[in-house]
Amino acid sequence: MILDKFALTGKVAIVTGAGRSIGRGIALGFAEAGADIVCAARTVSEIESVASEIRNLGRRAIAVPCDVREAEQVDNMVSKALEEFGRIDI
């Protein structure tokens, strides 16, 4: 099947702006394709909601508050991703 070529099973993805709109869609799409997701954005309630939706799909997900304009917050996001999943693929 053609969709097998797009499988992300076993991959870990960081999605910034994951709380809404395109970022939310990307996070859910990657999860549906088999990836585990680090949901990152500035609004905690939104990324926690998306992470919950992803877990309901049977994938692992964490919500990490992050303003990508702040280098320290980006470093923290990467550290949390590595701590939880052991690697980052996407």
PDB file of N, CA and C in Angstrom:
ATOM      1  N   MET A   1       0.846  -1.178   0.000  1.00  0.00           N
ATOM      2  CA  MET A   1       0.000   0.000   0.000  1.00  0.00           C
ATOM      3  C   MET A   1       0.891   1.241   0.000  1.00  0.00           C
ATOM      4  N   ILE A   2       0.466   2.252  -0.667  1.00  0.00           N
ATOM      5  CA  ILE A   2       1.264   3.477  -0.790  1.00  0.00           C
ATOM      6  C   ILE A   2       1.529   4.140   0.553  1.00  0.00           C
ATOM      7  N   LEU A   3       0.569   4.084   1.474  1.00  0.00           N
ATOM      8  CA  LEU A   3       0.761   4.736   2.768  1.00  0.00           C
ATOM      9  C   LEU A   3       1.869   4.079   3.578  1.00  0.00           C
ATOM     10  N   ASP A   4       2.186   2.814   3.283  1.00  0.00           N
ATOM     11  CA  ASP A   4       3.290   2.150   3.977  1.00  0.00           C
ATOM     12  C   ASP A   4       4.612   2.869   3.727  1.00  0.00           C
ATOM     13  N   LYS A   5       4.731   3.522   2.604  1.00  0.00           N
ATOM     14  CA  LYS A   5       5.954   4.266   2.285  1.00  0.00           C
ATOM     15  C   LYS A   5       6.131   5.486   3.186  1.00  0.00           C
ATOM     16  N   PHE A   6       5.046   5.890   3.840  1.00  0.00           N
ATOM     17  CA  PHE A   6       5.079   7.056   4.709  1.00  0.00           C
ATOM     18  C   PHE A   6       4.987   6.690   6.185  1.00  0.00           C
ATOM     19  N   ALA A   7       5.139   5.408   6.497  1.00  0.00           N
ATOM     20  CA  ALA A   7       5.041   4.956   7.888  1.00  0.00           C
ATOM     21  C   ALA A   7       6.157   5.579   8.727  1.00  0.00           C
ATOM     22  N   LEU A   8       5.810   5.970   9.933  1.00  0.00           N
ATOM     23  CA  LEU A   8       6.777   6.561  10.864  1.00  0.00           C
ATOM     24  C   LEU A   8       6.911   5.709  12.120  1.00  0.00           C
ATOM     25  N   THR A   9       6.551   4.448  12.021  1.00  0.00           N
ATOM     26  CA  THR A   9       6.593   3.548  13.164  1.00  0.00           C
ATOM     27  C   THR A   9       7.981   3.541  13.789  1.00  0.00           C
ATOM     28  N   GLY A  10       8.004   3.744  15.106  1.00  0.00           N
ATOM     29  CA  GLY A  10       9.264   3.726  15.835  1.00  0.00           C
ATOM     30  C   GLY A  10      10.041   5.027  15.796  1.00  0.00           C
ATOM     31  N   LYS A  11       9.536   6.031  15.126  1.00  0.00           N
ATOM     32  CA  LYS A  11      10.209   7.328  15.051  1.00  0.00           C
ATOM     33  C   LYS A  11       9.702   8.241  16.165  1.00  0.00           C
ATOM     34  N   VAL A  12      10.534   9.217  16.508  1.00  0.00           N
ATOM     35  CA  VAL A  12      10.167  10.230  17.500  1.00  0.00           C
ATOM     36  C   VAL A  12      10.238  11.590  16.815  1.00  0.00           C
ATOM     37  N   ALA A  13       9.157  12.353  16.922  1.00  0.00           N
ATOM     38  CA  ALA A  13       9.089  13.658  16.270  1.00  0.00           C
ATOM     39  C   ALA A  13       8.823  14.762  17.281  1.00  0.00           C
ATOM     40  N   ILE A  14       9.541  15.866  17.122  1.00  0.00           N
ATOM     41  CA  ILE A  14       9.212  17.097  17.834  1.00  0.00           C
ATOM     42  C   ILE A  14       8.366  17.927  16.878  1.00  0.00           C
ATOM     43  N   VAL A  15       7.207  18.359  17.355  1.00  0.00           N
ATOM     44  CA  VAL A  15       6.345  19.222  16.544  1.00  0.00           C
ATOM     45  C   VAL A  15       6.140  20.520  17.308  1.00  0.00           C
ATOM     46  N   THR A  16       6.673  21.611  16.762  1.00  0.00           N
ATOM     47  CA  THR A  16       6.465  22.916  17.380  1.00  0.00           C
ATOM     48  C   THR A  16       5.155  23.497  16.857  1.00  0.00           C
ATOM     49  N   GLY A  17       4.538  24.317  17.671  1.00  0.00           N
ATOM     50  CA  GLY A  17       3.235  24.860  17.304  1.00  0.00           C
ATOM     51  C   GLY A  17       2.160  23.791  17.320  1.00  0.00           C
ATOM     52  N   ALA A  18       2.378  22.746  18.124  1.00  0.00           N
ATOM     53  CA  ALA A  18       1.505  21.568  18.119  1.00  0.00           C
ATOM     54  C   ALA A  18       0.156  21.800  18.780  1.00  0.00           C
ATOM     55  N   GLY A  19      -0.046  22.941  19.384  1.00  0.00           N
ATOM     56  CA  GLY A  19      -1.276  23.178  20.122  1.00  0.00           C
ATOM     57  C   GLY A  19      -2.501  23.444  19.272  1.00  0.00           C
ATOM     58  N   ARG A  20      -2.292  23.877  18.038  1.00  0.00           N
ATOM     59  CA  ARG A  20      -3.451  24.216  17.214  1.00  0.00           C
ATOM     60  C   ARG A  20      -3.069  24.264  15.743  1.00  0.00           C
ATOM     61  N   SER A  21      -4.066  24.339  14.942  1.00  0.00           N
ATOM     62  CA  SER A  21      -3.947  24.591  13.518  1.00  0.00           C
ATOM     63  C   SER A  21      -3.040  23.580  12.811  1.00  0.00           C
ATOM     64  N   ILE A  22      -2.118  24.064  11.986  1.00  0.00           N
ATOM     65  CA  ILE A  22      -1.263  23.176  11.201  1.00  0.00           C
ATOM     66  C   ILE A  22      -0.390  22.307  12.099  1.00  0.00           C
ATOM     67  N   GLY A  23       0.168  22.881  13.154  1.00  0.00           N
ATOM     68  CA  GLY A  23       1.012  22.104  14.062  1.00  0.00           C
ATOM     69  C   GLY A  23       0.259  20.954  14.702  1.00  0.00           C
ATOM     70  N   ARG A  24      -0.970  21.209  15.114  1.00  0.00           N
ATOM     71  CA  ARG A  24      -1.812  20.149  15.687  1.00  0.00           C
ATOM     72  C   ARG A  24      -2.045  19.059  14.651  1.00  0.00           C
ATOM     73  N   GLY A  25      -2.366  19.465  13.438  1.00  0.00           N
ATOM     74  CA  GLY A  25      -2.601  18.503  12.363  1.00  0.00           C
ATOM     75  C   GLY A  25      -1.379  17.663  12.059  1.00  0.00           C
ATOM     76  N   ILE A  26      -0.208  18.292  12.060  1.00  0.00           N
ATOM     77  CA  ILE A  26       1.032  17.556  11.818  1.00  0.00           C
ATOM     78  C   ILE A  26       1.281  16.565  12.944  1.00  0.00           C
ATOM     79  N   ALA A  27       1.120  17.004  14.191  1.00  0.00           N
ATOM     80  CA  ALA A  27       1.341  16.115  15.335  1.00  0.00           C
ATOM     81  C   ALA A  27       0.423  14.898  15.264  1.00  0.00           C
ATOM     82  N   LEU A  28      -0.856  15.120  14.996  1.00  0.00           N
ATOM     83  CA  LEU A  28      -1.804  14.009  14.909  1.00  0.00           C
ATOM     84  C   LEU A  28      -1.512  13.125  13.698  1.00  0.00           C
ATOM     85  N   GLY A  29      -1.153  13.730  12.583  1.00  0.00           N
ATOM     86  CA  GLY A  29      -0.822  12.960  11.381  1.00  0.00           C
ATOM     87  C   GLY A  29       0.399  12.082  11.583  1.00  0.00           C
ATOM     88  N   PHE A  30       1.450  12.642  12.192  1.00  0.00           N
ATOM     89  CA  PHE A  30       2.647  11.847  12.483  1.00  0.00           C
ATOM     90  C   PHE A  30       2.305  10.699  13.422  1.00  0.00           C
ATOM     91  N   ALA A  31       1.469  10.970  14.427  1.00  0.00           N
ATOM     92  CA  ALA A  31       1.071   9.918  15.369  1.00  0.00           C
ATOM     93  C   ALA A  31       0.276   8.829  14.654  1.00  0.00           C
ATOM     94  N   GLU A  32      -0.633   9.218  13.789  1.00  0.00           N
ATOM     95  CA  GLU A  32      -1.407   8.236  13.029  1.00  0.00           C
ATOM     96  C   GLU A  32      -0.506   7.397  12.132  1.00  0.00           C
ATOM     97  N   ALA A  33       0.629   7.974  11.705  1.00  0.00           N
ATOM     98  CA  ALA A  33       1.595   7.251  10.880  1.00  0.00           C
ATOM     99  C   ALA A  33       2.540   6.401  11.727  1.00  0.00           C
ATOM    100  N   GLY A  34       2.402   6.470  13.063  1.00  0.00           N
ATOM    101  CA  GLY A  34       3.167   5.587  13.937  1.00  0.00           C
ATOM    102  C   GLY A  34       4.228   6.230  14.794  1.00  0.00           C
ATOM    103  N   ALA A  35       4.413   7.537  14.695  1.00  0.00           N
ATOM    104  CA  ALA A  35       5.458   8.210  15.472  1.00  0.00           C
ATOM    105  C   ALA A  35       4.987   8.531  16.886  1.00  0.00           C
ATOM    106  N   ASP A  36       5.949   8.605  17.799  1.00  0.00           N
ATOM    107  CA  ASP A  36       5.720   9.158  19.128  1.00  0.00           C
ATOM    108  C   ASP A  36       6.058  10.644  19.033  1.00  0.00           C
ATOM    109  N   ILE A  37       5.351  11.460  19.811  1.00  0.00           N
ATOM    110  CA  ILE A  37       5.387  12.904  19.571  1.00  0.00           C
ATOM    111  C   ILE A  37       5.749  13.716  20.809  1.00  0.00           C
ATOM    112  N   VAL A  38       6.616  14.704  20.599  1.00  0.00           N
ATOM    113  CA  VAL A  38       6.865  15.760  21.574  1.00  0.00           C
ATOM    114  C   VAL A  38       6.061  16.959  21.083  1.00  0.00           C
ATOM    115  N   CYS A  39       5.000  17.278  21.798  1.00  0.00           N
ATOM    116  CA  CYS A  39       4.142  18.415  21.447  1.00  0.00           C
ATOM    117  C   CYS A  39       4.712  19.658  22.121  1.00  0.00           C
ATOM    118  N   ALA A  40       5.124  20.621  21.324  1.00  0.00           N
ATOM    119  CA  ALA A  40       5.729  21.830  21.873  1.00  0.00           C
ATOM    120  C   ALA A  40       4.984  23.064  21.372  1.00  0.00           C
ATOM    121  N   ALA A  41       4.741  23.985  22.283  1.00  0.00           N
ATOM    122  CA  ALA A  41       4.125  25.278  21.963  1.00  0.00           C
ATOM    123  C   ALA A  41       4.120  26.100  23.242  1.00  0.00           C
ATOM    124  N   ARG A  42       3.669  27.323  23.141  1.00  0.00           N
ATOM    125  CA  ARG A  42       3.663  28.201  24.311  1.00  0.00           C
ATOM    126  C   ARG A  42       2.469  27.979  25.224  1.00  0.00           C
ATOM    127  N   THR A  43       1.357  27.482  24.698  1.00  0.00           N
ATOM    128  CA  THR A  43       0.135  27.348  25.488  1.00  0.00           C
ATOM    129  C   THR A  43       0.009  25.927  26.026  1.00  0.00           C
ATOM    130  N   VAL A  44       0.253  25.775  27.315  1.00  0.00           N
ATOM    131  CA  VAL A  44       0.309  24.459  27.954  1.00  0.00           C
ATOM    132  C   VAL A  44      -0.990  23.683  27.782  1.00  0.00           C
ATOM    133  N   SER A  45      -2.120  24.317  28.021  1.00  0.00           N
ATOM    134  CA  SER A  45      -3.398  23.591  27.947  1.00  0.00           C
ATOM    135  C   SER A  45      -3.630  23.007  26.555  1.00  0.00           C
ATOM    136  N   GLU A  46      -3.218  23.720  25.530  1.00  0.00           N
ATOM    137  CA  GLU A  46      -3.421  23.237  24.162  1.00  0.00           C
ATOM    138  C   GLU A  46      -2.535  22.036  23.853  1.00  0.00           C
ATOM    139  N   ILE A  47      -1.264  22.091  24.235  1.00  0.00           N
ATOM    140  CA  ILE A  47      -0.388  20.959  23.917  1.00  0.00           C
ATOM    141  C   ILE A  47      -0.698  19.747  24.787  1.00  0.00           C
ATOM    142  N   GLU A  48      -1.173  19.978  26.001  1.00  0.00           N
ATOM    143  CA  GLU A  48      -1.589  18.844  26.834  1.00  0.00           C
ATOM    144  C   GLU A  48      -2.792  18.149  26.210  1.00  0.00           C
ATOM    145  N   SER A  49      -3.703  18.914  25.642  1.00  0.00           N
ATOM    146  CA  SER A  49      -4.877  18.344  24.979  1.00  0.00           C
ATOM    147  C   SER A  49      -4.470  17.516  23.761  1.00  0.00           C
ATOM    148  N   VAL A  50      -3.569  18.045  22.948  1.00  0.00           N
ATOM    149  CA  VAL A  50      -3.112  17.319  21.758  1.00  0.00           C
ATOM    150  C   VAL A  50      -2.350  16.063  22.169  1.00  0.00           C
ATOM    151  N   ALA A  51      -1.494  16.165  23.183  1.00  0.00           N
ATOM    152  CA  ALA A  51      -0.763  14.986  23.664  1.00  0.00           C
ATOM    153  C   ALA A  51      -1.733  13.908  24.137  1.00  0.00           C
ATOM    154  N   SER A  52      -2.801  14.306  24.787  1.00  0.00           N
ATOM    155  CA  SER A  52      -3.820  13.356  25.233  1.00  0.00           C
ATOM    156  C   SER A  52      -4.489  12.674  24.038  1.00  0.00           C
ATOM    157  N   GLU A  53      -4.810  13.446  23.013  1.00  0.00           N
ATOM    158  CA  GLU A  53      -5.400  12.870  21.796  1.00  0.00           C
ATOM    159  C   GLU A  53      -4.464  11.836  21.178  1.00  0.00           C
ATOM    160  N   ILE A  54      -3.179  12.148  21.170  1.00  0.00           N
ATOM    161  CA  ILE A  54      -2.190  11.240  20.591  1.00  0.00           C
ATOM    162  C   ILE A  54      -2.103   9.958  21.409  1.00  0.00           C
ATOM    163  N   ARG A  55      -2.098  10.087  22.722  1.00  0.00           N
ATOM    164  CA  ARG A  55      -2.071   8.889  23.569  1.00  0.00           C
ATOM    165  C   ARG A  55      -3.319   8.039  23.345  1.00  0.00           C
ATOM    166  N   ASN A  56      -4.447   8.678  23.081  1.00  0.00           N
ATOM    167  CA  ASN A  56      -5.673   7.937  22.775  1.00  0.00           C
ATOM    168  C   ASN A  56      -5.573   7.174  21.459  1.00  0.00           C
ATOM    169  N   LEU A  57      -4.647   7.581  20.595  1.00  0.00           N
ATOM    170  CA  LEU A  57      -4.389   6.860  19.345  1.00  0.00           C
ATOM    171  C   LEU A  57      -3.452   5.671  19.569  1.00  0.00           C
ATOM    172  N   GLY A  58      -2.957   5.537  20.803  1.00  0.00           N
ATOM    173  CA  GLY A  58      -2.058   4.431  21.116  1.00  0.00           C
ATOM    174  C   GLY A  58      -0.585   4.759  20.968  1.00  0.00           C
ATOM    175  N   ARG A  59      -0.271   6.020  20.783  1.00  0.00           N
ATOM    176  CA  ARG A  59       1.123   6.451  20.659  1.00  0.00           C
ATOM    177  C   ARG A  59       1.548   7.143  21.944  1.00  0.00           C
ATOM    178  N   ARG A  60       2.844   7.260  22.145  1.00  0.00           N
ATOM    179  CA  ARG A  60       3.370   7.997  23.287  1.00  0.00           C
ATOM    180  C   ARG A  60       3.483   9.469  22.908  1.00  0.00           C
ATOM    181  N   ALA A  61       3.228  10.332  23.880  1.00  0.00           N
ATOM    182  CA  ALA A  61       3.318  11.772  23.624  1.00  0.00           C
ATOM    183  C   ALA A  61       3.566  12.503  24.927  1.00  0.00           C
ATOM    184  N   ILE A  62       4.357  13.567  24.835  1.00  0.00           N
ATOM    185  CA  ILE A  62       4.555  14.467  25.966  1.00  0.00           C
ATOM    186  C   ILE A  62       4.291  15.893  25.495  1.00  0.00           C
ATOM    187  N   ALA A  63       3.899  16.721  26.433  1.00  0.00           N
ATOM    188  CA  ALA A  63       3.668  18.141  26.175  1.00  0.00           C
ATOM    189  C   ALA A  63       4.794  18.926  26.834  1.00  0.00           C
ATOM    190  N   VAL A  64       5.489  19.734  26.042  1.00  0.00           N
ATOM    191  CA  VAL A  64       6.603  20.528  26.561  1.00  0.00           C
ATOM    192  C   VAL A  64       6.376  21.993  26.202  1.00  0.00           C
ATOM    193  N   PRO A  65       6.103  22.830  27.202  1.00  0.00           N
ATOM    194  CA  PRO A  65       5.959  24.260  26.914  1.00  0.00           C
ATOM    195  C   PRO A  65       7.269  24.807  26.350  1.00  0.00           C
ATOM    196  N   CYS A  66       7.174  25.540  25.245  1.00  0.00           N
ATOM    197  CA  CYS A  66       8.393  26.049  24.616  1.00  0.00           C
ATOM    198  C   CYS A  66       8.070  27.229  23.709  1.00  0.00           C
ATOM    199  N   ASP A  67       8.821  28.299  23.897  1.00  0.00           N
ATOM    200  CA  ASP A  67       8.809  29.426  22.973  1.00  0.00           C
ATOM    201  C   ASP A  67      10.095  29.289  22.163  1.00  0.00           C
ATOM    202  N   VAL A  68       9.982  28.934  20.893  1.00  0.00           N
ATOM    203  CA  VAL A  68      11.172  28.647  20.086  1.00  0.00           C
ATOM    204  C   VAL A  68      12.053  29.876  19.855  1.00  0.00           C
ATOM    205  N   ARG A  69      11.584  31.041  20.256  1.00  0.00           N
ATOM    206  CA  ARG A  69      12.421  32.246  20.162  1.00  0.00           C
ATOM    207  C   ARG A  69      13.437  32.311  21.291  1.00  0.00           C
ATOM    208  N   GLU A  70      13.277  31.431  22.287  1.00  0.00           N
ATOM    209  CA  GLU A  70      14.149  31.413  23.465  1.00  0.00           C
ATOM    210  C   GLU A  70      15.026  30.162  23.438  1.00  0.00           C
ATOM    211  N   ALA A  71      16.321  30.352  23.202  1.00  0.00           N
ATOM    212  CA  ALA A  71      17.247  29.225  23.057  1.00  0.00           C
ATOM    213  C   ALA A  71      17.227  28.291  24.263  1.00  0.00           C
ATOM    214  N   GLU A  72      17.138  28.837  25.452  1.00  0.00           N
ATOM    215  CA  GLU A  72      17.124  28.014  26.659  1.00  0.00           C
ATOM    216  C   GLU A  72      15.902  27.098  26.682  1.00  0.00           C
ATOM    217  N   GLN A  73      14.763  27.602  26.231  1.00  0.00           N
ATOM    218  CA  GLN A  73      13.553  26.782  26.190  1.00  0.00           C
ATOM    219  C   GLN A  73      13.664  25.680  25.129  1.00  0.00           C
ATOM    220  N   VAL A  74      14.306  25.984  24.015  1.00  0.00           N
ATOM    221  CA  VAL A  74      14.520  24.967  22.979  1.00  0.00           C
ATOM    222  C   VAL A  74      15.447  23.877  23.511  1.00  0.00           C
ATOM    223  N   ASP A  75      16.509  24.278  24.194  1.00  0.00           N
ATOM    224  CA  ASP A  75      17.419  23.296  24.804  1.00  0.00           C
ATOM    225  C   ASP A  75      16.668  22.404  25.786  1.00  0.00           C
ATOM    226  N   ASN A  76      15.792  22.990  26.586  1.00  0.00           N
ATOM    227  CA  ASN A  76      14.996  22.236  27.544  1.00  0.00           C
ATOM    228  C   ASN A  76      14.068  21.253  26.824  1.00  0.00           C
ATOM    229  N   MET A  77      13.448  21.691  25.745  1.00  0.00           N
ATOM    230  CA  MET A  77      12.554  20.828  24.972  1.00  0.00           C
ATOM    231  C   MET A  77      13.309  19.608  24.440  1.00  0.00           C
ATOM    232  N   VAL A  78      14.484  19.841  23.884  1.00  0.00           N
ATOM    233  CA  VAL A  78      15.297  18.743  23.359  1.00  0.00           C
ATOM    234  C   VAL A  78      15.706  17.802  24.486  1.00  0.00           C
ATOM    235  N   SER A  79      16.113  18.359  25.617  1.00  0.00           N
ATOM    236  CA  SER A  79      16.497  17.529  26.768  1.00  0.00           C
ATOM    237  C   SER A  79      15.342  16.655  27.230  1.00  0.00           C
ATOM    238  N   LYS A  80      14.150  17.224  27.321  1.00  0.00           N
ATOM    239  CA  LYS A  80      12.975  16.449  27.749  1.00  0.00           C
ATOM    240  C   LYS A  80      12.638  15.358  26.734  1.00  0.00           C
ATOM    241  N   ALA A  81      12.774  15.670  25.457  1.00  0.00           N
ATOM    242  CA  ALA A  81      12.517  14.670  24.412  1.00  0.00           C
ATOM    243  C   ALA A  81      13.491  13.503  24.540  1.00  0.00           C
ATOM    244  N   LEU A  82      14.762  13.810  24.712  1.00  0.00           N
ATOM    245  CA  LEU A  82      15.771  12.759  24.840  1.00  0.00           C
ATOM    246  C   LEU A  82      15.589  11.962  26.121  1.00  0.00           C
ATOM    247  N   GLU A  83      15.210  12.633  27.190  1.00  0.00           N
ATOM    248  CA  GLU A  83      14.969  11.962  28.468  1.00  0.00           C
ATOM    249  C   GLU A  83      13.803  10.979  28.353  1.00  0.00           C
ATOM    250  N   GLU A  84      12.744  11.385  27.678  1.00  0.00           N
ATOM    251  CA  GLU A  84      11.536  10.553  27.562  1.00  0.00           C
ATOM    252  C   GLU A  84      11.678   9.445  26.520  1.00  0.00           C
ATOM    253  N   PHE A  85      12.260   9.777  25.363  1.00  0.00           N
ATOM    254  CA  PHE A  85      12.251   8.849  24.238  1.00  0.00           C
ATOM    255  C   PHE A  85      13.629   8.305  23.853  1.00  0.00           C
ATOM    256  N   GLY A  86      14.694   8.940  24.328  1.00  0.00           N
ATOM    257  CA  GLY A  86      16.035   8.442  24.041  1.00  0.00           C
ATOM    258  C   GLY A  86      16.629   8.894  22.726  1.00  0.00           C
ATOM    259  N   ARG A  87      15.829   9.506  21.888  1.00  0.00           N
ATOM    260  CA  ARG A  87      16.337   9.998  20.603  1.00  0.00           C
ATOM    261  C   ARG A  87      15.299  10.916  19.957  1.00  0.00           C
ATOM    262  N   ILE A  88      15.722  11.591  18.902  1.00  0.00           N
ATOM    263  CA  ILE A  88      14.825  12.433  18.101  1.00  0.00           C
ATOM    264  C   ILE A  88      15.107  12.093  16.640  1.00  0.00           C
ATOM    265  N   ASP A  89      14.069  11.763  15.899  1.00  0.00           N
ATOM    266  CA  ASP A  89      14.233  11.421  14.483  1.00  0.00           C
ATOM    267  C   ASP A  89      13.741  12.515  13.546  1.00  0.00           C
ATOM    268  N   ILE A  90      12.699  13.218  13.977  1.00  0.00           N
ATOM    269  CA  ILE A  90      12.065  14.213  13.102  1.00  0.00           C
ATOM    270  C   ILE A  90      11.902  15.509  13.873  1.00  0.00           C
TER     271      ILE A  90
END
